[in-house]
Amino acid sequence: MEHFLKKKCDESGLPMKQFSKKCMEKMLDYGWPGNVRQLENEVSRLVALSGTDKMLNPDLLSPEILNFGEAPKSTTRGVNTNGKLKEALKELEIIMIREGLKRCNFNKSKLAKELGISRASLIMKVDKYELDKRKKAAGE
């Protein structure tokens, strides 16, 4: 992180900056699925957004990194909590998959990982509940 910070400050002609303790903690906690390239891009982003500030604060981090590790906001809104458990679970499963598909831009591999199920299992559920946007668009 320090290497990229020095490199980006030198390239932009800005004085050397430093990470605040909280910003450093957030960056160290993040898993960096994009590896070194993602880290370099994030540091570039921080340098660009910080302008003349010498301290890099967490509020400049991209939302994915800033919110990493926080419990997702959950809600029972729209889910029938009366009746049979099996039906309520089915309804919740449909909502989670439908909303997850939208959020992940229909990237099933990403959503399956997020939900903690196999991609094949997710595909079976998408087919079972007819949630695939391409099939709906084709009129099937």
N, C-alpha and C. Protein backbone atom coordinates (compact mmCIF):
# COMPACT_ATOMS: atom_id res chain seq x y z
N MET A 1 0.84 -1.18 0.00
CA MET A 1 0.00 0.00 0.00
C MET A 1 0.88 1.24 0.00
N GLU A 2 1.92 1.21 0.81
CA GLU A 2 2.84 2.36 0.87
C GLU A 2 3.56 2.56 -0.46
N HIS A 3 3.94 1.47 -1.11
CA HIS A 3 4.62 1.55 -2.41
C HIS A 3 3.73 2.27 -3.42
N PHE A 4 2.47 1.83 -3.53
CA PHE A 4 1.56 2.45 -4.49
C PHE A 4 1.25 3.90 -4.11
N LEU A 5 1.17 4.16 -2.81
CA LEU A 5 0.91 5.52 -2.36
C LEU A 5 2.04 6.46 -2.79
N LYS A 6 3.28 6.04 -2.56
CA LYS A 6 4.43 6.86 -2.96
C LYS A 6 4.44 7.04 -4.48
N LYS A 7 4.21 5.96 -5.19
CA LYS A 7 4.22 6.00 -6.66
C LYS A 7 3.17 6.99 -7.18
N LYS A 8 1.95 6.91 -6.66
CA LYS A 8 0.85 7.77 -7.14
C LYS A 8 1.06 9.23 -6.75
N CYS A 9 1.60 9.47 -5.56
CA CYS A 9 1.88 10.85 -5.15
C CYS A 9 2.98 11.45 -6.04
N ASP A 10 4.01 10.67 -6.31
CA ASP A 10 5.09 11.14 -7.20
C ASP A 10 4.55 11.43 -8.60
N GLU A 11 3.75 10.52 -9.14
CA GLU A 11 3.20 10.68 -10.49
C GLU A 11 2.32 11.92 -10.60
N SER A 12 1.56 12.21 -9.55
CA SER A 12 0.64 13.34 -9.60
C SER A 12 1.27 14.64 -9.12
N GLY A 13 2.50 14.58 -8.63
CA GLY A 13 3.18 15.78 -8.16
C GLY A 13 2.66 16.28 -6.82
N LEU A 14 1.94 15.44 -6.11
CA LEU A 14 1.40 15.82 -4.80
C LEU A 14 2.38 15.44 -3.69
N PRO A 15 2.35 16.18 -2.57
CA PRO A 15 3.20 15.79 -1.44
C PRO A 15 2.76 14.42 -0.91
N MET A 16 3.68 13.73 -0.29
CA MET A 16 3.40 12.39 0.24
C MET A 16 2.25 12.46 1.24
N LYS A 17 1.36 11.49 1.13
CA LYS A 17 0.19 11.39 2.01
C LYS A 17 0.39 10.19 2.93
N GLN A 18 -0.50 10.07 3.89
CA GLN A 18 -0.46 8.88 4.74
C GLN A 18 -1.88 8.42 5.04
N PHE A 19 -1.99 7.14 5.31
CA PHE A 19 -3.28 6.54 5.62
C PHE A 19 -3.62 6.84 7.08
N SER A 20 -4.88 7.23 7.32
CA SER A 20 -5.33 7.34 8.70
C SER A 20 -5.40 5.93 9.27
N LYS A 21 -5.42 5.83 10.58
CA LYS A 21 -5.45 4.52 11.23
C LYS A 21 -6.69 3.73 10.78
N LYS A 22 -7.85 4.40 10.74
CA LYS A 22 -9.10 3.73 10.37
C LYS A 22 -9.07 3.30 8.90
N CYS A 23 -8.53 4.15 8.04
CA CYS A 23 -8.42 3.81 6.62
C CYS A 23 -7.51 2.60 6.45
N MET A 24 -6.41 2.59 7.14
CA MET A 24 -5.46 1.47 7.08
C MET A 24 -6.14 0.19 7.55
N GLU A 25 -6.90 0.27 8.65
CA GLU A 25 -7.60 -0.91 9.18
C GLU A 25 -8.58 -1.47 8.15
N LYS A 26 -9.37 -0.58 7.54
CA LYS A 26 -10.35 -1.01 6.53
C LYS A 26 -9.66 -1.70 5.36
N MET A 27 -8.55 -1.13 4.92
CA MET A 27 -7.84 -1.71 3.77
C MET A 27 -7.19 -3.05 4.14
N LEU A 28 -6.69 -3.16 5.35
CA LEU A 28 -6.07 -4.42 5.78
C LEU A 28 -7.11 -5.51 6.01
N ASP A 29 -8.32 -5.13 6.40
CA ASP A 29 -9.39 -6.11 6.63
C ASP A 29 -9.97 -6.65 5.34
N TYR A 30 -9.88 -5.87 4.27
CA TYR A 30 -10.50 -6.25 3.00
C TYR A 30 -9.75 -7.43 2.37
N GLY A 31 -10.46 -8.31 1.68
CA GLY A 31 -9.88 -9.52 1.10
C GLY A 31 -9.16 -9.35 -0.22
N TRP A 32 -9.34 -8.24 -0.91
CA TRP A 32 -8.70 -7.94 -2.19
C TRP A 32 -8.83 -9.06 -3.21
N PRO A 33 -10.07 -9.37 -3.63
CA PRO A 33 -10.25 -10.42 -4.63
C PRO A 33 -9.61 -10.07 -5.98
N GLY A 34 -9.41 -8.78 -6.23
CA GLY A 34 -8.76 -8.35 -7.48
C GLY A 34 -7.26 -8.29 -7.33
N ASN A 35 -6.75 -8.72 -6.18
CA ASN A 35 -5.33 -8.77 -5.88
C ASN A 35 -4.64 -7.43 -6.02
N VAL A 36 -3.40 -7.44 -6.50
CA VAL A 36 -2.55 -6.25 -6.52
C VAL A 36 -3.13 -5.15 -7.41
N ARG A 37 -3.70 -5.54 -8.51
CA ARG A 37 -4.27 -4.54 -9.43
C ARG A 37 -5.40 -3.76 -8.77
N GLN A 38 -6.24 -4.44 -8.04
CA GLN A 38 -7.34 -3.77 -7.35
C GLN A 38 -6.79 -2.85 -6.25
N LEU A 39 -5.78 -3.31 -5.54
CA LEU A 39 -5.16 -2.49 -4.49
C LEU A 39 -4.57 -1.23 -5.10
N GLU A 40 -3.84 -1.37 -6.19
CA GLU A 40 -3.24 -0.20 -6.84
C GLU A 40 -4.32 0.78 -7.30
N ASN A 41 -5.39 0.28 -7.87
CA ASN A 41 -6.49 1.14 -8.31
C ASN A 41 -7.13 1.88 -7.14
N GLU A 42 -7.27 1.19 -6.02
CA GLU A 42 -7.89 1.82 -4.85
C GLU A 42 -6.99 2.93 -4.30
N VAL A 43 -5.69 2.68 -4.25
CA VAL A 43 -4.76 3.71 -3.77
C VAL A 43 -4.77 4.90 -4.74
N SER A 44 -4.81 4.65 -6.04
CA SER A 44 -4.90 5.73 -7.03
C SER A 44 -6.16 6.55 -6.79
N ARG A 45 -7.23 5.87 -6.54
CA ARG A 45 -8.52 6.53 -6.27
C ARG A 45 -8.41 7.42 -5.04
N LEU A 46 -7.82 6.89 -3.97
CA LEU A 46 -7.66 7.65 -2.73
C LEU A 46 -6.84 8.91 -2.95
N VAL A 47 -5.74 8.77 -3.68
CA VAL A 47 -4.86 9.92 -3.94
C VAL A 47 -5.63 10.97 -4.74
N ALA A 48 -6.35 10.53 -5.76
CA ALA A 48 -7.09 11.47 -6.61
C ALA A 48 -8.19 12.19 -5.82
N LEU A 49 -8.93 11.45 -5.01
CA LEU A 49 -10.04 12.04 -4.26
C LEU A 49 -9.58 12.91 -3.10
N SER A 50 -8.40 12.66 -2.58
CA SER A 50 -7.94 13.40 -1.40
C SER A 50 -7.45 14.80 -1.75
N GLY A 51 -7.14 15.03 -3.02
CA GLY A 51 -6.68 16.37 -3.42
C GLY A 51 -5.43 16.78 -2.69
N THR A 52 -5.49 17.90 -2.01
CA THR A 52 -4.32 18.41 -1.30
C THR A 52 -4.24 17.92 0.14
N ASP A 53 -5.26 17.19 0.60
CA ASP A 53 -5.22 16.65 1.97
C ASP A 53 -4.04 15.70 2.11
N LYS A 54 -3.40 15.74 3.26
CA LYS A 54 -2.25 14.85 3.48
C LYS A 54 -2.66 13.54 4.13
N MET A 55 -3.87 13.50 4.68
CA MET A 55 -4.35 12.30 5.36
C MET A 55 -5.42 11.63 4.51
N LEU A 56 -5.29 10.32 4.31
CA LEU A 56 -6.28 9.54 3.57
C LEU A 56 -7.25 8.93 4.58
N ASN A 57 -8.49 9.35 4.51
CA ASN A 57 -9.50 8.91 5.47
C ASN A 57 -10.41 7.86 4.85
N PRO A 58 -11.03 7.03 5.68
CA PRO A 58 -11.86 5.93 5.15
C PRO A 58 -13.07 6.39 4.34
N ASP A 59 -13.54 7.62 4.55
CA ASP A 59 -14.70 8.07 3.80
C ASP A 59 -14.41 8.19 2.31
N LEU A 60 -13.13 8.15 1.92
CA LEU A 60 -12.75 8.20 0.51
C LEU A 60 -12.68 6.81 -0.12
N LEU A 61 -12.73 5.77 0.69
CA LEU A 61 -12.65 4.41 0.17
C LEU A 61 -13.89 4.08 -0.65
N SER A 62 -13.73 3.18 -1.62
CA SER A 62 -14.88 2.75 -2.40
C SER A 62 -15.84 2.00 -1.46
N PRO A 63 -17.14 2.07 -1.74
CA PRO A 63 -18.14 1.46 -0.84
C PRO A 63 -17.89 -0.02 -0.55
N GLU A 64 -17.42 -0.75 -1.55
CA GLU A 64 -17.15 -2.18 -1.37
C GLU A 64 -16.15 -2.42 -0.24
N ILE A 65 -15.12 -1.59 -0.17
CA ILE A 65 -14.08 -1.75 0.85
C ILE A 65 -14.54 -1.14 2.17
N LEU A 66 -15.17 0.02 2.08
CA LEU A 66 -15.64 0.71 3.28
C LEU A 66 -16.63 -0.14 4.07
N ASN A 67 -17.52 -0.85 3.36
CA ASN A 67 -18.58 -1.63 4.02
C ASN A 67 -18.22 -3.10 4.21
N PHE A 68 -17.01 -3.50 3.82
CA PHE A 68 -16.61 -4.89 3.94
C PHE A 68 -16.63 -5.34 5.40
N GLY A 69 -17.20 -6.51 5.64
CA GLY A 69 -17.21 -7.09 6.98
C GLY A 69 -18.38 -6.65 7.82
N GLU A 70 -19.12 -5.64 7.36
CA GLU A 70 -20.30 -5.22 8.12
C GLU A 70 -21.43 -6.18 7.84
N ALA A 71 -22.24 -6.40 8.82
CA ALA A 71 -23.38 -7.31 8.64
C ALA A 71 -24.33 -6.70 7.61
N PRO A 72 -24.75 -7.50 6.65
CA PRO A 72 -25.69 -6.97 5.66
C PRO A 72 -26.99 -6.59 6.32
N LYS A 73 -27.60 -5.56 5.79
CA LYS A 73 -28.88 -5.12 6.33
C LYS A 73 -29.93 -6.15 5.93
N SER A 74 -30.60 -6.72 6.91
CA SER A 74 -31.61 -7.72 6.61
C SER A 74 -32.97 -7.18 7.01
N THR A 75 -33.95 -7.70 6.37
CA THR A 75 -35.30 -7.25 6.64
C THR A 75 -36.27 -8.39 6.35
N THR A 76 -37.40 -8.38 7.02
CA THR A 76 -38.43 -9.36 6.72
C THR A 76 -39.56 -8.69 5.95
N ARG A 77 -39.32 -7.48 5.52
CA ARG A 77 -40.32 -6.73 4.76
C ARG A 77 -40.73 -7.54 3.52
N GLY A 78 -42.00 -7.67 3.31
CA GLY A 78 -42.50 -8.37 2.13
C GLY A 78 -42.53 -9.88 2.27
N VAL A 79 -42.08 -10.41 3.38
CA VAL A 79 -42.09 -11.86 3.57
C VAL A 79 -43.19 -12.20 4.56
N ASN A 80 -44.01 -13.15 4.18
CA ASN A 80 -45.10 -13.58 5.04
C ASN A 80 -44.52 -14.37 6.21
N THR A 81 -44.69 -13.87 7.42
CA THR A 81 -44.15 -14.57 8.59
C THR A 81 -45.20 -15.43 9.27
N ASN A 82 -46.38 -15.54 8.67
CA ASN A 82 -47.43 -16.41 9.19
C ASN A 82 -47.51 -17.66 8.33
N GLY A 83 -48.08 -18.71 8.88
CA GLY A 83 -48.29 -19.93 8.11
C GLY A 83 -47.15 -20.92 8.25
N LYS A 84 -47.01 -21.73 7.23
CA LYS A 84 -46.03 -22.83 7.24
C LYS A 84 -44.61 -22.31 7.02
N LEU A 85 -43.68 -22.86 7.77
CA LEU A 85 -42.28 -22.47 7.66
C LEU A 85 -41.74 -22.76 6.27
N LYS A 86 -42.10 -23.90 5.71
CA LYS A 86 -41.60 -24.28 4.39
C LYS A 86 -41.97 -23.24 3.33
N GLU A 87 -43.20 -22.74 3.37
CA GLU A 87 -43.65 -21.72 2.40
C GLU A 87 -42.93 -20.39 2.63
N ALA A 88 -42.74 -20.01 3.90
CA ALA A 88 -42.04 -18.76 4.21
C ALA A 88 -40.58 -18.83 3.75
N LEU A 89 -39.94 -20.01 3.93
CA LEU A 89 -38.56 -20.17 3.50
C LEU A 89 -38.44 -20.09 1.98
N LYS A 90 -39.41 -20.68 1.29
CA LYS A 90 -39.44 -20.63 -0.17
C LYS A 90 -39.57 -19.17 -0.64
N GLU A 91 -40.49 -18.46 -0.01
CA GLU A 91 -40.72 -17.06 -0.36
C GLU A 91 -39.46 -16.22 -0.11
N LEU A 92 -38.82 -16.44 1.02
CA LEU A 92 -37.59 -15.72 1.34
C LEU A 92 -36.48 -16.07 0.36
N GLU A 93 -36.37 -17.33 0.00
CA GLU A 93 -35.36 -17.78 -0.97
C GLU A 93 -35.56 -17.09 -2.32
N ILE A 94 -36.80 -17.00 -2.77
CA ILE A 94 -37.10 -16.34 -4.04
C ILE A 94 -36.70 -14.86 -3.97
N ILE A 95 -37.06 -14.20 -2.90
CA ILE A 95 -36.74 -12.78 -2.75
C ILE A 95 -35.22 -12.57 -2.72
N MET A 96 -34.53 -13.38 -1.94
CA MET A 96 -33.07 -13.24 -1.84
C MET A 96 -32.40 -13.47 -3.19
N ILE A 97 -32.84 -14.46 -3.93
CA ILE A 97 -32.23 -14.75 -5.23
C ILE A 97 -32.58 -13.65 -6.23
N ARG A 98 -33.84 -13.24 -6.27
CA ARG A 98 -34.26 -12.19 -7.21
C ARG A 98 -33.49 -10.89 -6.95
N GLU A 99 -33.45 -10.46 -5.70
CA GLU A 99 -32.75 -9.23 -5.36
C GLU A 99 -31.24 -9.38 -5.58
N GLY A 100 -30.71 -10.55 -5.25
CA GLY A 100 -29.28 -10.81 -5.44
C GLY A 100 -28.90 -10.78 -6.91
N LEU A 101 -29.74 -11.33 -7.76
CA LEU A 101 -29.46 -11.30 -9.20
C LEU A 101 -29.40 -9.87 -9.71
N LYS A 102 -30.32 -9.04 -9.26
CA LYS A 102 -30.30 -7.63 -9.67
C LYS A 102 -29.03 -6.95 -9.16
N ARG A 103 -28.72 -7.17 -7.89
CA ARG A 103 -27.57 -6.53 -7.25
C ARG A 103 -26.26 -6.95 -7.92
N CYS A 104 -26.16 -8.22 -8.31
CA CYS A 104 -24.94 -8.76 -8.93
C CYS A 104 -24.98 -8.68 -10.45
N ASN A 105 -25.97 -7.95 -10.98
CA ASN A 105 -26.10 -7.79 -12.43
C ASN A 105 -26.20 -9.15 -13.13
N PHE A 106 -26.94 -10.06 -12.53
CA PHE A 106 -27.19 -11.41 -13.04
C PHE A 106 -25.92 -12.24 -13.19
N ASN A 107 -24.88 -11.91 -12.43
CA ASN A 107 -23.66 -12.72 -12.40
C ASN A 107 -23.90 -13.84 -11.39
N LYS A 108 -24.22 -15.01 -11.89
CA LYS A 108 -24.62 -16.13 -11.03
C LYS A 108 -23.45 -16.66 -10.20
N SER A 109 -22.25 -16.63 -10.74
CA SER A 109 -21.09 -17.09 -9.97
C SER A 109 -20.88 -16.21 -8.74
N LYS A 110 -20.98 -14.91 -8.95
CA LYS A 110 -20.80 -13.95 -7.85
C LYS A 110 -21.90 -14.13 -6.80
N LEU A 111 -23.15 -14.25 -7.26
CA LEU A 111 -24.26 -14.41 -6.33
C LEU A 111 -24.17 -15.72 -5.56
N ALA A 112 -23.81 -16.80 -6.25
CA ALA A 112 -23.69 -18.10 -5.57
C ALA A 112 -22.66 -18.01 -4.44
N LYS A 113 -21.54 -17.35 -4.72
CA LYS A 113 -20.51 -17.19 -3.70
C LYS A 113 -21.04 -16.36 -2.53
N GLU A 114 -21.77 -15.29 -2.86
CA GLU A 114 -22.34 -14.42 -1.84
C GLU A 114 -23.35 -15.18 -0.97
N LEU A 115 -24.14 -16.05 -1.59
CA LEU A 115 -25.16 -16.81 -0.86
C LEU A 115 -24.61 -18.04 -0.17
N GLY A 116 -23.38 -18.42 -0.52
CA GLY A 116 -22.77 -19.59 0.10
C GLY A 116 -23.30 -20.91 -0.44
N ILE A 117 -23.71 -20.90 -1.71
CA ILE A 117 -24.17 -22.13 -2.36
C ILE A 117 -23.39 -22.32 -3.66
N SER A 118 -23.47 -23.50 -4.22
CA SER A 118 -22.76 -23.75 -5.48
C SER A 118 -23.48 -23.03 -6.62
N ARG A 119 -22.75 -22.76 -7.67
CA ARG A 119 -23.33 -22.10 -8.85
C ARG A 119 -24.42 -23.00 -9.45
N ALA A 120 -24.15 -24.31 -9.50
CA ALA A 120 -25.13 -25.25 -10.04
C ALA A 120 -26.43 -25.22 -9.23
N SER A 121 -26.30 -25.15 -7.93
CA SER A 121 -27.47 -25.09 -7.06
C SER A 121 -28.25 -23.80 -7.30
N LEU A 122 -27.54 -22.69 -7.47
CA LEU A 122 -28.21 -21.42 -7.75
C LEU A 122 -28.94 -21.49 -9.09
N ILE A 123 -28.30 -22.04 -10.10
CA ILE A 123 -28.92 -22.14 -11.42
C ILE A 123 -30.20 -22.97 -11.35
N MET A 124 -30.16 -24.08 -10.59
CA MET A 124 -31.35 -24.91 -10.43
C MET A 124 -32.48 -24.12 -9.77
N LYS A 125 -32.15 -23.31 -8.76
CA LYS A 125 -33.17 -22.51 -8.08
C LYS A 125 -33.70 -21.41 -8.99
N VAL A 126 -32.83 -20.78 -9.76
CA VAL A 126 -33.26 -19.74 -10.70
C VAL A 126 -34.23 -20.33 -11.71
N ASP A 127 -33.91 -21.52 -12.22
CA ASP A 127 -34.79 -22.19 -13.17
C ASP A 127 -36.11 -22.60 -12.50
N LYS A 128 -36.01 -23.17 -11.31
CA LYS A 128 -37.19 -23.64 -10.58
C LYS A 128 -38.18 -22.50 -10.33
N TYR A 129 -37.65 -21.32 -9.95
CA TYR A 129 -38.51 -20.18 -9.63
C TYR A 129 -38.69 -19.23 -10.81
N GLU A 130 -38.14 -19.61 -11.97
CA GLU A 130 -38.25 -18.83 -13.21
C GLU A 130 -37.82 -17.38 -13.00
N LEU A 131 -36.59 -17.20 -12.51
CA LEU A 131 -36.07 -15.87 -12.20
C LEU A 131 -35.05 -15.36 -13.22
N ASP A 132 -34.81 -16.11 -14.30
CA ASP A 132 -33.80 -15.71 -15.28
C ASP A 132 -34.37 -14.66 -16.22
N LYS A 133 -33.78 -13.48 -16.22
CA LYS A 133 -34.29 -12.36 -17.02
C LYS A 133 -34.22 -12.64 -18.52
N ARG A 134 -33.23 -13.40 -18.96
CA ARG A 134 -33.08 -13.67 -20.40
C ARG A 134 -34.24 -14.53 -20.89
N LYS A 135 -34.65 -15.50 -20.10
CA LYS A 135 -35.77 -16.36 -20.52
C LYS A 135 -37.07 -15.57 -20.54
N LYS A 136 -37.23 -14.65 -19.57
CA LYS A 136 -38.43 -13.83 -19.54
C LYS A 136 -38.45 -12.90 -20.74
N ALA A 137 -37.28 -12.33 -21.10
CA ALA A 137 -37.19 -11.41 -22.24
C ALA A 137 -37.48 -12.14 -23.56
N ALA A 138 -37.10 -13.41 -23.63
CA ALA A 138 -37.31 -14.20 -24.85
C ALA A 138 -38.76 -14.70 -24.96
N GLY A 139 -39.51 -14.51 -23.87
CA GLY A 139 -40.91 -14.91 -23.88
C GLY A 139 -41.13 -16.38 -23.63
N GLU A 140 -40.18 -17.04 -23.02
CA GLU A 140 -40.33 -18.47 -22.71
C GLU A 140 -41.18 -18.67 -21.50
